[in-house]
Amino acid sequence: MTSFSLPLSATQAGKLRELLAEQDFEFISRPYMLFFARKGNLSIAAYEKGPKIVIQGKGTEDFVKFELEPKITGEARLGYEEVLQPAMFEPHFGIDESGKGDFFGPLVIAGVFVDRSIARFLLDAGVMDSKRISSDQRIMQLADLIRGTPGISTNVVQIGPEKYNELYERFNNLNDLLGWGHARVIENLLGERPNCPRALSDKFANERVVQRALLSAGQKINVEQRTKAEADIAVAGASILAREKFVRWLDRKGKDLGIALPKGVSVAVKTSAREIVAKHGAEALRKVAKMHFRTAAEVISG
């Protein structure tokens, strides 16, 4: 394991800082962090938001097992996931999406099938929720690793902006559109894993939204939604595959246009949108952006 993250209390973060100082870690000032410490190839970042810590580098697993858990959290979790979260190791699909809150780019929905051996492999490889990974390069690396995992089944449905706008006008409801996309991924995965009993995703609407959108082949599968489902390794893997597809689309289309397409919704996003309209006309925006966002009306009216 070369990467590990965990939420801590403020008291625990303070105790960790003292422990690192005692062990002669070098402290470096970083924005948005309570502290950042490094020793050799091991780095430990404690973020203000949470707080949470991210441990990276050679020696991560030993530090978690022999320093963090016994001396700071007082709870042995690493390596005991099968005892603490047995359902995560049972055969199931994990489904997640990327691009839902981004003005530019597609809506991407991905699914991953895991069983006991696949789940253990992904955990040991450092797979985690994509929102906890700030580096696009790391997302690419993990996506390649997931696809190369022995025995795994994956599926990705990409709904480009033009198709997205068409479907949104038809559904007139983002949750119904998401449910349709989740159902398509589940159906596609069932083509490879027809006996999979359960599909898990983050909570975005009533489970019946997805269930209604499933075709006859998928009507028997148990569709489960819960908050913070990304803690499940299958959902975390799906989040990485979805994010990779989304990031690659933004990069490719931005190069084609000669205009950077930033993530999210921000001043930089509006600036790029105005540049697209100025150079290619308002209709060009439909090909790269989600038109029901308020940003679209602001840019075009401006």
C-alpha atoms as a PDB file:
ATOM      1  CA  MET A   1       0.000   0.000   0.000  1.00  0.00           C
ATOM      2  CA  THR A   2       1.370   3.420  -0.958  1.00  0.00           C
ATOM      3  CA  SER A   3      -1.620   5.623  -0.153  1.00  0.00           C
ATOM      4  CA  PHE A   4      -4.039   5.811   2.787  1.00  0.00           C
ATOM      5  CA  SER A   5      -6.467   8.447   4.057  1.00  0.00           C
ATOM      6  CA  LEU A   6      -8.568   8.704   7.194  1.00  0.00           C
ATOM      7  CA  PRO A   7     -10.678  11.350   8.958  1.00  0.00           C
ATOM      8  CA  LEU A   8      -9.321  12.347  12.366  1.00  0.00           C
ATOM      9  CA  SER A   9     -10.599  14.477  15.200  1.00  0.00           C
ATOM     10  CA  ALA A  10      -8.750  17.724  15.958  1.00  0.00           C
ATOM     11  CA  THR A  11      -7.333  16.074  19.095  1.00  0.00           C
ATOM     12  CA  GLN A  12      -6.066  13.091  17.119  1.00  0.00           C
ATOM     13  CA  ALA A  13      -4.475  15.382  14.527  1.00  0.00           C
ATOM     14  CA  GLY A  14      -2.663  17.214  17.338  1.00  0.00           C
ATOM     15  CA  LYS A  15      -1.398  13.926  18.795  1.00  0.00           C
ATOM     16  CA  LEU A  16      -0.208  12.855  15.345  1.00  0.00           C
ATOM     17  CA  ARG A  17       1.758  16.073  14.902  1.00  0.00           C
ATOM     18  CA  GLU A  18       3.497  15.480  18.242  1.00  0.00           C
ATOM     19  CA  LEU A  19       4.310  11.894  17.246  1.00  0.00           C
ATOM     20  CA  LEU A  20       5.804  13.009  13.915  1.00  0.00           C
ATOM     21  CA  ALA A  21       7.903  15.665  15.635  1.00  0.00           C
ATOM     22  CA  GLU A  22       9.252  13.038  18.037  1.00  0.00           C
ATOM     23  CA  GLN A  23      10.199  10.881  15.053  1.00  0.00           C
ATOM     24  CA  ASP A  24      12.090  13.726  13.347  1.00  0.00           C
ATOM     25  CA  PHE A  25       9.727  14.296  10.435  1.00  0.00           C
ATOM     26  CA  GLU A  26      10.382  17.509   8.472  1.00  0.00           C
ATOM     27  CA  PHE A  27       7.441  19.942   8.581  1.00  0.00           C
ATOM     28  CA  ILE A  28       6.682  22.043   5.499  1.00  0.00           C
ATOM     29  CA  SER A  29       4.079  24.814   5.313  1.00  0.00           C
ATOM     30  CA  ARG A  30       1.280  24.075   2.835  1.00  0.00           C
ATOM     31  CA  PRO A  31      -2.011  25.932   2.181  1.00  0.00           C
ATOM     32  CA  TYR A  32      -5.244  24.426   3.537  1.00  0.00           C
ATOM     33  CA  MET A  33      -3.300  22.033   5.746  1.00  0.00           C
ATOM     34  CA  LEU A  34      -2.917  21.787   9.507  1.00  0.00           C
ATOM     35  CA  PHE A  35       0.521  20.411   8.734  1.00  0.00           C
ATOM     36  CA  PHE A  36       2.521  18.558   6.104  1.00  0.00           C
ATOM     37  CA  ALA A  37       5.344  16.307   7.264  1.00  0.00           C
ATOM     38  CA  ARG A  38       7.888  14.260   5.350  1.00  0.00           C
ATOM     39  CA  LYS A  39      10.566  11.739   6.207  1.00  0.00           C
ATOM     40  CA  GLY A  40      12.379   9.874   3.463  1.00  0.00           C
ATOM     41  CA  ASN A  41       9.811   8.645   0.936  1.00  0.00           C
ATOM     42  CA  LEU A  42       6.878   8.909   3.364  1.00  0.00           C
ATOM     43  CA  SER A  43       4.670  12.015   3.512  1.00  0.00           C
ATOM     44  CA  ILE A  44       1.749  12.818   5.794  1.00  0.00           C
ATOM     45  CA  ALA A  45      -0.686  15.643   5.021  1.00  0.00           C
ATOM     46  CA  ALA A  46      -3.293  16.742   7.557  1.00  0.00           C
ATOM     47  CA  TYR A  47      -5.994  18.807   5.844  1.00  0.00           C
ATOM     48  CA  GLU A  48      -7.965  21.499   7.677  1.00  0.00           C
ATOM     49  CA  LYS A  49     -11.215  20.311   6.122  1.00  0.00           C
ATOM     50  CA  GLY A  50     -12.364  17.312   8.111  1.00  0.00           C
ATOM     51  CA  PRO A  51      -9.719  17.191   9.480  1.00  0.00           C
ATOM     52  CA  LYS A  52      -8.413  14.274   7.485  1.00  0.00           C
ATOM     53  CA  ILE A  53      -4.970  12.855   6.850  1.00  0.00           C
ATOM     54  CA  VAL A  54      -3.475  11.481   3.670  1.00  0.00           C
ATOM     55  CA  ILE A  55      -0.421   9.233   4.004  1.00  0.00           C
ATOM     56  CA  GLN A  56       1.564   8.490   0.860  1.00  0.00           C
ATOM     57  CA  GLY A  57       4.777   6.796  -0.161  1.00  0.00           C
ATOM     58  CA  LYS A  58       6.863   3.769   0.691  1.00  0.00           C
ATOM     59  CA  GLY A  59       6.196   2.689   4.258  1.00  0.00           C
ATOM     60  CA  THR A  60       2.534   3.783   4.300  1.00  0.00           C
ATOM     61  CA  GLU A  61       1.200   0.398   5.427  1.00  0.00           C
ATOM     62  CA  ASP A  62       3.759  -0.029   8.225  1.00  0.00           C
ATOM     63  CA  PHE A  63       3.110   3.498   9.493  1.00  0.00           C
ATOM     64  CA  VAL A  64      -0.658   2.919   9.611  1.00  0.00           C
ATOM     65  CA  LYS A  65      -0.358  -0.472  11.338  1.00  0.00           C
ATOM     66  CA  PHE A  66       2.419   0.302  13.815  1.00  0.00           C
ATOM     67  CA  GLU A  67       2.104   4.045  14.480  1.00  0.00           C
ATOM     68  CA  LEU A  68      -1.250   5.544  13.457  1.00  0.00           C
ATOM     69  CA  GLU A  69      -3.621   2.816  14.622  1.00  0.00           C
ATOM     70  CA  PRO A  70      -2.049   1.821  17.962  1.00  0.00           C
ATOM     71  CA  LYS A  71      -0.860   5.291  19.017  1.00  0.00           C
ATOM     72  CA  ILE A  72      -3.410   7.729  17.527  1.00  0.00           C
ATOM     73  CA  THR A  73      -6.749   6.125  16.611  1.00  0.00           C
ATOM     74  CA  GLY A  74      -6.589   3.177  19.013  1.00  0.00           C
ATOM     75  CA  GLU A  75      -8.461   1.096  16.465  1.00  0.00           C
ATOM     76  CA  ALA A  76      -7.055  -1.630  14.216  1.00  0.00           C
ATOM     77  CA  ARG A  77      -8.899  -1.395  10.888  1.00  0.00           C
ATOM     78  CA  LEU A  78      -6.271  -1.911   8.180  1.00  0.00           C
ATOM     79  CA  GLY A  79      -6.398  -5.551   7.124  1.00  0.00           C
ATOM     80  CA  TYR A  80      -9.611  -6.157   9.084  1.00  0.00           C
ATOM     81  CA  GLU A  81     -12.022  -4.795   6.480  1.00  0.00           C
ATOM     82  CA  GLU A  82     -13.548  -8.241   5.897  1.00  0.00           C
ATOM     83  CA  VAL A  83     -14.547  -8.430   9.554  1.00  0.00           C
ATOM     84  CA  LEU A  84     -15.732  -4.811   9.817  1.00  0.00           C
ATOM     85  CA  GLN A  85     -17.449  -4.538   6.400  1.00  0.00           C
ATOM     86  CA  PRO A  86     -18.300  -8.085   5.242  1.00  0.00           C
ATOM     87  CA  ALA A  87     -20.842  -6.918   2.618  1.00  0.00           C
ATOM     88  CA  MET A  88     -18.060  -5.110   0.732  1.00  0.00           C
ATOM     89  CA  PHE A  89     -16.450  -8.472  -0.041  1.00  0.00           C
ATOM     90  CA  GLU A  90     -19.607 -10.187  -1.260  1.00  0.00           C
ATOM     91  CA  PRO A  91     -20.294 -10.183  -5.043  1.00  0.00           C
ATOM     92  CA  HIS A  92     -21.910  -6.890  -6.060  1.00  0.00           C
ATOM     93  CA  PHE A  93     -21.764  -3.985  -8.500  1.00  0.00           C
ATOM     94  CA  GLY A  94     -20.611  -0.532  -7.442  1.00  0.00           C
ATOM     95  CA  ILE A  95     -21.962   2.377  -9.523  1.00  0.00           C
ATOM     96  CA  ASP A  96     -20.861   6.023  -9.490  1.00  0.00           C
ATOM     97  CA  GLU A  97     -20.851   9.034 -11.781  1.00  0.00           C
ATOM     98  CA  SER A  98     -18.676  12.004 -12.706  1.00  0.00           C
ATOM     99  CA  GLY A  99     -19.511  15.339 -14.337  1.00  0.00           C
ATOM    100  CA  LYS A 100     -22.898  15.829 -12.667  1.00  0.00           C
ATOM    101  CA  GLY A 101     -21.868  19.134 -11.103  1.00  0.00           C
ATOM    102  CA  ASP A 102     -19.575  20.315 -13.913  1.00  0.00           C
ATOM    103  CA  PHE A 103     -20.802  22.792 -16.523  1.00  0.00           C
ATOM    104  CA  PHE A 104     -18.443  21.515 -19.207  1.00  0.00           C
ATOM    105  CA  GLY A 105     -18.195  17.916 -20.245  1.00  0.00           C
ATOM    106  CA  PRO A 106     -20.244  14.745 -20.292  1.00  0.00           C
ATOM    107  CA  LEU A 107     -22.089  12.890 -17.583  1.00  0.00           C
ATOM    108  CA  VAL A 108     -20.157   9.659 -17.092  1.00  0.00           C
ATOM    109  CA  ILE A 109     -21.560   6.706 -15.171  1.00  0.00           C
ATOM    110  CA  ALA A 110     -19.356   3.705 -14.412  1.00  0.00           C
ATOM    111  CA  GLY A 111     -19.818   0.345 -12.768  1.00  0.00           C
ATOM    112  CA  VAL A 112     -17.449  -2.220 -11.280  1.00  0.00           C
ATOM    113  CA  PHE A 113     -18.117  -5.820 -10.239  1.00  0.00           C
ATOM    114  CA  VAL A 114     -16.208  -7.129  -7.221  1.00  0.00           C
ATOM    115  CA  ASP A 115     -16.075 -10.329  -5.248  1.00  0.00           C
ATOM    116  CA  ARG A 116     -13.836 -11.184  -2.297  1.00  0.00           C
ATOM    117  CA  SER A 117     -10.549 -11.517  -4.202  1.00  0.00           C
ATOM    118  CA  ILE A 118     -11.156  -8.462  -6.415  1.00  0.00           C
ATOM    119  CA  ALA A 119     -12.146  -6.290  -3.441  1.00  0.00           C
ATOM    120  CA  ARG A 120      -9.005  -7.290  -1.535  1.00  0.00           C
ATOM    121  CA  PHE A 121      -6.803  -6.601  -4.571  1.00  0.00           C
ATOM    122  CA  LEU A 122      -8.264  -3.106  -5.082  1.00  0.00           C
ATOM    123  CA  LEU A 123      -7.989  -2.221  -1.391  1.00  0.00           C
ATOM    124  CA  ASP A 124      -4.363  -3.328  -1.209  1.00  0.00           C
ATOM    125  CA  ALA A 125      -3.616  -1.348  -4.385  1.00  0.00           C
ATOM    126  CA  GLY A 126      -4.805   1.890  -2.754  1.00  0.00           C
ATOM    127  CA  VAL A 127      -8.055   2.384  -4.687  1.00  0.00           C
ATOM    128  CA  MET A 128     -10.236   5.024  -3.015  1.00  0.00           C
ATOM    129  CA  ASP A 129     -13.019   7.469  -3.822  1.00  0.00           C
ATOM    130  CA  SER A 130     -11.924   9.715  -6.716  1.00  0.00           C
ATOM    131  CA  LYS A 131     -12.939  12.855  -4.762  1.00  0.00           C
ATOM    132  CA  ARG A 132     -10.063  12.109  -2.394  1.00  0.00           C
ATOM    133  CA  ILE A 133      -7.549  12.124  -5.281  1.00  0.00           C
ATOM    134  CA  SER A 134      -6.452  15.562  -6.483  1.00  0.00           C
ATOM    135  CA  SER A 135      -4.053  14.363  -9.204  1.00  0.00           C
ATOM    136  CA  ASP A 136      -5.470  13.552 -12.645  1.00  0.00           C
ATOM    137  CA  GLN A 137      -2.353  11.496 -13.313  1.00  0.00           C
ATOM    138  CA  ARG A 138      -3.084   9.327 -10.273  1.00  0.00           C
ATOM    139  CA  ILE A 139      -6.664   8.870 -11.496  1.00  0.00           C
ATOM    140  CA  MET A 140      -5.301   7.584 -14.824  1.00  0.00           C
ATOM    141  CA  GLN A 141      -2.909   5.181 -13.083  1.00  0.00           C
ATOM    142  CA  LEU A 142      -5.610   3.738 -10.845  1.00  0.00           C
ATOM    143  CA  ALA A 143      -8.057   3.416 -13.756  1.00  0.00           C
ATOM    144  CA  ASP A 144      -5.502   1.325 -15.659  1.00  0.00           C
ATOM    145  CA  LEU A 145      -4.914  -0.788 -12.544  1.00  0.00           C
ATOM    146  CA  ILE A 146      -8.661  -1.369 -12.045  1.00  0.00           C
ATOM    147  CA  ARG A 147      -9.205  -2.444 -15.646  1.00  0.00           C
ATOM    148  CA  GLY A 148      -6.239  -4.819 -15.370  1.00  0.00           C
ATOM    149  CA  THR A 149      -7.449  -6.475 -12.165  1.00  0.00           C
ATOM    150  CA  PRO A 150      -7.815 -10.257 -12.647  1.00  0.00           C
ATOM    151  CA  GLY A 151     -11.453 -11.353 -12.879  1.00  0.00           C
ATOM    152  CA  ILE A 152     -12.940  -7.853 -12.806  1.00  0.00           C
ATOM    153  CA  SER A 153     -15.886  -6.656 -14.912  1.00  0.00           C
ATOM    154  CA  THR A 154     -16.343  -2.953 -15.639  1.00  0.00           C
ATOM    155  CA  ASN A 155     -18.640  -0.789 -17.711  1.00  0.00           C
ATOM    156  CA  VAL A 156     -18.686   2.915 -18.520  1.00  0.00           C
ATOM    157  CA  VAL A 157     -21.552   4.891 -20.096  1.00  0.00           C
ATOM    158  CA  GLN A 158     -20.592   8.338 -21.338  1.00  0.00           C
ATOM    159  CA  ILE A 159     -23.405  10.770 -22.136  1.00  0.00           C
ATOM    160  CA  GLY A 160     -21.830  13.597 -24.140  1.00  0.00           C
ATOM    161  CA  PRO A 161     -23.171  17.149 -23.728  1.00  0.00           C
ATOM    162  CA  GLU A 162     -25.311  17.090 -26.904  1.00  0.00           C
ATOM    163  CA  LYS A 163     -26.996  13.824 -25.907  1.00  0.00           C
ATOM    164  CA  TYR A 164     -27.160  14.961 -22.279  1.00  0.00           C
ATOM    165  CA  ASN A 165     -29.021  18.141 -23.256  1.00  0.00           C
ATOM    166  CA  GLU A 166     -31.421  16.138 -25.397  1.00  0.00           C
ATOM    167  CA  LEU A 167     -32.109  13.642 -22.585  1.00  0.00           C
ATOM    168  CA  TYR A 168     -32.442  16.369 -19.971  1.00  0.00           C
ATOM    169  CA  GLU A 169     -35.088  18.077 -22.079  1.00  0.00           C
ATOM    170  CA  ARG A 170     -36.921  14.751 -22.315  1.00  0.00           C
ATOM    171  CA  PHE A 171     -36.671  13.827 -18.613  1.00  0.00           C
ATOM    172  CA  ASN A 172     -36.683  17.415 -17.286  1.00  0.00           C
ATOM    173  CA  ASN A 173     -35.281  15.944 -14.071  1.00  0.00           C
ATOM    174  CA  LEU A 174     -31.643  15.188 -13.293  1.00  0.00           C
ATOM    175  CA  ASN A 175     -32.481  12.316 -10.930  1.00  0.00           C
ATOM    176  CA  ASP A 176     -34.495  10.549 -13.639  1.00  0.00           C
ATOM    177  CA  LEU A 177     -31.618  11.024 -16.068  1.00  0.00           C
ATOM    178  CA  LEU A 178     -29.165   9.640 -13.486  1.00  0.00           C
ATOM    179  CA  GLY A 179     -31.471   6.707 -12.817  1.00  0.00           C
ATOM    180  CA  TRP A 180     -31.608   5.948 -16.550  1.00  0.00           C
ATOM    181  CA  GLY A 181     -27.788   6.040 -16.773  1.00  0.00           C
ATOM    182  CA  HIS A 182     -27.306   3.873 -13.676  1.00  0.00           C
ATOM    183  CA  ALA A 183     -29.780   1.344 -15.043  1.00  0.00           C
ATOM    184  CA  ARG A 184     -27.910   1.125 -18.358  1.00  0.00           C
ATOM    185  CA  VAL A 185     -24.617   0.391 -16.569  1.00  0.00           C
ATOM    186  CA  ILE A 186     -26.269  -2.259 -14.390  1.00  0.00           C
ATOM    187  CA  GLU A 187     -27.839  -3.900 -17.449  1.00  0.00           C
ATOM    188  CA  ASN A 188     -24.484  -3.907 -19.260  1.00  0.00           C
ATOM    189  CA  LEU A 189     -22.701  -5.465 -16.272  1.00  0.00           C
ATOM    190  CA  LEU A 190     -25.412  -8.094 -15.920  1.00  0.00           C
ATOM    191  CA  GLY A 191     -24.553  -9.191 -19.449  1.00  0.00           C
ATOM    192  CA  GLU A 192     -21.206 -10.356 -18.037  1.00  0.00           C
ATOM    193  CA  ARG A 193     -22.317 -11.187 -14.487  1.00  0.00           C
ATOM    194  CA  PRO A 194     -25.929 -12.377 -14.766  1.00  0.00           C
ATOM    195  CA  ASN A 195     -25.982 -13.843 -11.247  1.00  0.00           C
ATOM    196  CA  CYS A 196     -24.807 -10.729  -9.412  1.00  0.00           C
ATOM    197  CA  PRO A 197     -27.383 -10.165  -6.632  1.00  0.00           C
ATOM    198  CA  ARG A 198     -26.854  -6.504  -5.708  1.00  0.00           C
ATOM    199  CA  ALA A 199     -25.937  -3.058  -7.085  1.00  0.00           C
ATOM    200  CA  LEU A 200     -24.794  -0.269  -4.763  1.00  0.00           C
ATOM    201  CA  SER A 201     -24.543   3.471  -5.460  1.00  0.00           C
ATOM    202  CA  ASP A 202     -24.527   6.757  -3.613  1.00  0.00           C
ATOM    203  CA  LYS A 203     -27.905   8.123  -2.556  1.00  0.00           C
ATOM    204  CA  PHE A 204     -29.306  10.501  -5.188  1.00  0.00           C
ATOM    205  CA  ALA A 205     -32.995   9.544  -5.313  1.00  0.00           C
ATOM    206  CA  ASN A 206     -35.366   6.783  -4.308  1.00  0.00           C
ATOM    207  CA  GLU A 207     -34.133   3.337  -5.371  1.00  0.00           C
ATOM    208  CA  ARG A 208     -37.333   2.967  -7.411  1.00  0.00           C
ATOM    209  CA  VAL A 209     -35.988   5.600  -9.856  1.00  0.00           C
ATOM    210  CA  VAL A 210     -33.281   3.139 -10.931  1.00  0.00           C
ATOM    211  CA  GLN A 211     -35.505   0.079 -10.573  1.00  0.00           C
ATOM    212  CA  ARG A 212     -38.126   1.568 -12.924  1.00  0.00           C
ATOM    213  CA  ALA A 213     -35.466   2.257 -15.557  1.00  0.00           C
ATOM    214  CA  LEU A 214     -34.141  -1.322 -15.546  1.00  0.00           C
ATOM    215  CA  LEU A 215     -35.177  -3.606 -18.374  1.00  0.00           C
ATOM    216  CA  SER A 216     -36.500  -7.112 -17.742  1.00  0.00           C
ATOM    217  CA  ALA A 217     -33.007  -8.606 -17.325  1.00  0.00           C
ATOM    218  CA  GLY A 218     -32.278  -6.296 -14.417  1.00  0.00           C
ATOM    219  CA  GLN A 219     -35.591  -6.382 -12.574  1.00  0.00           C
ATOM    220  CA  LYS A 220     -34.454  -9.076 -10.124  1.00  0.00           C
ATOM    221  CA  ILE A 221     -31.292  -7.365  -8.898  1.00  0.00           C
ATOM    222  CA  ASN A 222     -31.398  -5.640  -5.513  1.00  0.00           C
ATOM    223  CA  VAL A 223     -30.713  -1.922  -6.078  1.00  0.00           C
ATOM    224  CA  GLU A 224     -29.285  -0.296  -2.961  1.00  0.00           C
ATOM    225  CA  GLN A 225     -28.444   3.370  -2.419  1.00  0.00           C
ATOM    226  CA  ARG A 226     -26.845   4.859   0.657  1.00  0.00           C
ATOM    227  CA  THR A 227     -25.023   8.021   1.689  1.00  0.00           C
ATOM    228  CA  LYS A 228     -21.241   7.816   1.521  1.00  0.00           C
ATOM    229  CA  ALA A 229     -21.437   4.666  -0.591  1.00  0.00           C
ATOM    230  CA  GLU A 230     -18.005   5.603  -1.970  1.00  0.00           C
ATOM    231  CA  ALA A 231     -16.550   3.974   1.178  1.00  0.00           C
ATOM    232  CA  ASP A 232     -17.378   0.692  -0.596  1.00  0.00           C
ATOM    233  CA  ILE A 233     -14.447  -0.427  -2.750  1.00  0.00           C
ATOM    234  CA  ALA A 234     -16.635  -1.248  -5.789  1.00  0.00           C
ATOM    235  CA  VAL A 235     -18.213   2.229  -5.746  1.00  0.00           C
ATOM    236  CA  ALA A 236     -14.774   3.802  -5.222  1.00  0.00           C
ATOM    237  CA  GLY A 237     -13.450   1.903  -8.253  1.00  0.00           C
ATOM    238  CA  ALA A 238     -16.427   3.040 -10.321  1.00  0.00           C
ATOM    239  CA  SER A 239     -15.830   6.652  -9.269  1.00  0.00           C
ATOM    240  CA  ILE A 240     -12.255   6.457 -10.596  1.00  0.00           C
ATOM    241  CA  LEU A 241     -13.280   4.970 -13.948  1.00  0.00           C
ATOM    242  CA  ALA A 242     -15.977   7.633 -14.366  1.00  0.00           C
ATOM    243  CA  ARG A 243     -13.607  10.451 -13.423  1.00  0.00           C
ATOM    244  CA  GLU A 244     -10.916   9.231 -15.806  1.00  0.00           C
ATOM    245  CA  LYS A 245     -13.333   9.229 -18.748  1.00  0.00           C
ATOM    246  CA  PHE A 246     -14.598  12.687 -17.785  1.00  0.00           C
ATOM    247  CA  VAL A 247     -11.092  14.197 -17.431  1.00  0.00           C
ATOM    248  CA  ARG A 248      -9.929  12.715 -20.729  1.00  0.00           C
ATOM    249  CA  TRP A 249     -12.990  14.163 -22.508  1.00  0.00           C
ATOM    250  CA  LEU A 250     -12.341  17.671 -21.145  1.00  0.00           C
ATOM    251  CA  ASP A 251      -8.699  17.527 -22.150  1.00  0.00           C
ATOM    252  CA  ARG A 252      -9.425  16.271 -25.677  1.00  0.00           C
ATOM    253  CA  LYS A 253     -12.246  18.719 -26.408  1.00  0.00           C
ATOM    254  CA  GLY A 254     -10.309  21.620 -24.939  1.00  0.00           C
ATOM    255  CA  LYS A 255      -7.433  20.898 -27.314  1.00  0.00           C
ATOM    256  CA  ASP A 256      -9.812  20.599 -30.262  1.00  0.00           C
ATOM    257  CA  LEU A 257     -11.300  24.020 -29.477  1.00  0.00           C
ATOM    258  CA  GLY A 258      -8.028  25.618 -28.462  1.00  0.00           C
ATOM    259  CA  ILE A 259      -9.845  26.732 -25.290  1.00  0.00           C
ATOM    260  CA  ALA A 260      -9.303  25.185 -21.842  1.00  0.00           C
ATOM    261  CA  LEU A 261     -12.444  23.600 -20.371  1.00  0.00           C
ATOM    262  CA  PRO A 262     -12.139  23.890 -16.579  1.00  0.00           C
ATOM    263  CA  LYS A 263     -13.908  21.579 -14.135  1.00  0.00           C
ATOM    264  CA  GLY A 264     -16.790  22.655 -11.920  1.00  0.00           C
ATOM    265  CA  VAL A 265     -18.606  25.981 -12.098  1.00  0.00           C
ATOM    266  CA  SER A 266     -16.407  29.015 -11.548  1.00  0.00           C
ATOM    267  CA  VAL A 267     -15.252  32.344 -12.944  1.00  0.00           C
ATOM    268  CA  ALA A 268     -12.754  30.451 -15.113  1.00  0.00           C
ATOM    269  CA  VAL A 269     -15.598  28.305 -16.473  1.00  0.00           C
ATOM    270  CA  LYS A 270     -17.628  31.390 -17.425  1.00  0.00           C
ATOM    271  CA  THR A 271     -14.600  32.945 -19.085  1.00  0.00           C
ATOM    272  CA  SER A 272     -14.056  29.863 -21.240  1.00  0.00           C
ATOM    273  CA  ALA A 273     -17.774  29.676 -22.079  1.00  0.00           C
ATOM    274  CA  ARG A 274     -17.791  33.307 -23.236  1.00  0.00           C
ATOM    275  CA  GLU A 275     -14.730  32.641 -25.372  1.00  0.00           C
ATOM    276  CA  ILE A 276     -16.451  29.661 -27.029  1.00  0.00           C
ATOM    277  CA  VAL A 277     -19.555  31.731 -27.815  1.00  0.00           C
ATOM    278  CA  ALA A 278     -17.441  34.600 -29.145  1.00  0.00           C
ATOM    279  CA  LYS A 279     -15.389  32.337 -31.432  1.00  0.00           C
ATOM    280  CA  HIS A 280     -17.925  29.693 -32.490  1.00  0.00           C
ATOM    281  CA  GLY A 281     -21.383  31.036 -31.641  1.00  0.00           C
ATOM    282  CA  ALA A 282     -23.917  30.174 -28.951  1.00  0.00           C
ATOM    283  CA  GLU A 283     -24.885  26.871 -30.586  1.00  0.00           C
ATOM    284  CA  ALA A 284     -21.322  25.599 -30.077  1.00  0.00           C
ATOM    285  CA  LEU A 285     -21.897  25.688 -26.325  1.00  0.00           C
ATOM    286  CA  ARG A 286     -24.468  22.870 -26.590  1.00  0.00           C
ATOM    287  CA  LYS A 287     -21.723  20.579 -27.845  1.00  0.00           C
ATOM    288  CA  VAL A 288     -19.524  20.998 -24.775  1.00  0.00           C
ATOM    289  CA  ALA A 289     -21.749  22.180 -21.897  1.00  0.00           C
ATOM    290  CA  LYS A 290     -24.860  21.304 -19.914  1.00  0.00           C
ATOM    291  CA  MET A 291     -27.369  23.907 -20.989  1.00  0.00           C
ATOM    292  CA  HIS A 292     -29.740  23.712 -18.011  1.00  0.00           C
ATOM    293  CA  PHE A 293     -27.004  25.189 -15.796  1.00  0.00           C
ATOM    294  CA  ARG A 294     -27.625  28.860 -14.996  1.00  0.00           C
ATOM    295  CA  THR A 295     -24.143  29.581 -16.354  1.00  0.00           C
ATOM    296  CA  ALA A 296     -25.364  28.910 -19.905  1.00  0.00           C
ATOM    297  CA  ALA A 297     -28.135  31.511 -19.724  1.00  0.00           C
ATOM    298  CA  GLU A 298     -25.797  34.061 -18.139  1.00  0.00           C
ATOM    299  CA  VAL A 299     -23.139  33.600 -20.808  1.00  0.00           C
ATOM    300  CA  ILE A 300     -25.517  33.633 -23.787  1.00  0.00           C
ATOM    301  CA  SER A 301     -27.550  36.601 -22.543  1.00  0.00           C
ATOM    302  CA  GLY A 302     -24.317  38.448 -21.829  1.00  0.00           C
END
